[in-house]
Amino acid sequence: MAATTPASWLGRVGQWLYTLLVDPASIWTLAILMLLAEVVLNMAIIAFVPYTEIDWQAYMDEVEGVVNGTYDYTQLKGDTGPLVYPAGFVYVFLGLYYATTYGTAIRTAQYIFAGLYLLNLLVITALYAKARMPPYLFLWLSGAAFRIHSIFVLRLFNDPIAMLCLYIALWFFLEKRWSLGSFFFSFGVGIKMNVLLYAPALLFVYLAELGVYRTFWQLAINGVLQILLAIPFLLANPMGYLARAFDLGRQFMYKWTVNWKLLSEETFLDRRFHVALLGLHICLLVVLARSWLRRVPTWDALWRGGVALTPRDTLTILFTANFVGMAVSRSLHYQFYSWYFHTIPFLLWQTHLPIWARVDGLCLHACNALGQVSLTLKDANQRAVPFVQEQAVLVPSLPLQRRLSQIDLT
């Protein structure tokens, strides 16, 4: 038997590491190691980094109104303004209200959100594994997620909970368990409307896979769940509920926007600007739809269904639709980073372009900038053009935000 030399030993270690990082079959091995590290990291963040109050108390005030018997949505409000989220939000945060001693046990809430963070990462891993993505992308999802940790365990926003429901829905869609997927998708919409950015792409996936008749039933599941969740509020004031929970024309405050600070406040608030963004969104979706239709052999296939979309095709279609929606969003805020952070490695990998490293670095740099939109952000969008051409998408202006606390996870 040949003696084991240091060179041969190092060669085997190198081969093992290469397999661990590159072979899609190894993604769960790496994911388990990273998840264990994430447990420790999240506990350390909670223990040593101060919690920052932003919206949690407002959430608690809003659901406390329901506890006190107020079901008229126009009367529900917190210290940051009126309740503007659909009914699913109320049920989720009502549960958190009681689980955290009426919203006062902040540390308990942080532990709950840490659990949600780990569950979210687990579901994302399942999506990547289903699409046979290389495991090294998981290092980005975990290692570059300091802002996501902040959004989950230090700020306790509702956005990541809505996205968790969305990602669970996507997993069920990849498993062809359509009704469960529709349930979770609708529940995600019920927590926050940004999930609707996926709706145009999901409609295409429904039609391609299921055909018109079965698509109708999936849309019915989405709609009926929204009605069931909203019944107490619809009975109290139906128009008030619809106007507040699904206010598509809601005016955002200029001081909070992080993607349009390069414009004047007058332009930002101008309805013509909003209409232009909507028109651009529709045009971009039409461009995307042309690429989606390449996967459909005939128009009749959209009527009958039966198009076998691969998991990678399905996720690409859905993730690009979300990116396009964010690119032309009327306003992006700090916590909206959670809307697309976990999709970035997937979409970058689809392009097969070496520019991904530069774009990735610029994205991270832009997200850590403070104050006004900077030249760095403009440069990031300009350099991203070659990257998005392959998928016919635009990279959204990434969130920049004022410093929300003295402690920064950078």
Foldseek 3Di string as FASTA:
>chain_A
DDDDDPVNVVVVVVVVVCCCQFFLVNQVVVLVVLLVVLVVVLVCCLVPPAAFEDCLQFLLQQLVCVVVPDLAQVPGTGPVGGQQAALLQSVVVVVVCVQCVNSPNLSSQLVVLSVLVSLLLVLLSLLCSQQSHGNNVSCCVRVLCLLVSCLRRRHPDLVSVLVSLQSVLLSCVLVVVLLSSLLSLLSSCRSPVLSCLLVVLVLQVCLQAAADPVSVVSVVSSVVNSCVSSVSNCVVPVVSNCCRNVVPPDFDDPQFFFFPLVDDRVLLRDVVLVVVLVVQLVVLVVVLVVVLCVQPPDPVSSHHHDRDDRSLRSLLSRLQSSQQCQQSPSGDGLSCCSVRSSVLVSLQVVQPDPCSVVLVVLLSVQQADADHRDPSLVVSQVSCVVSCVVNSHGGHSHGHYHDSDPDGSD
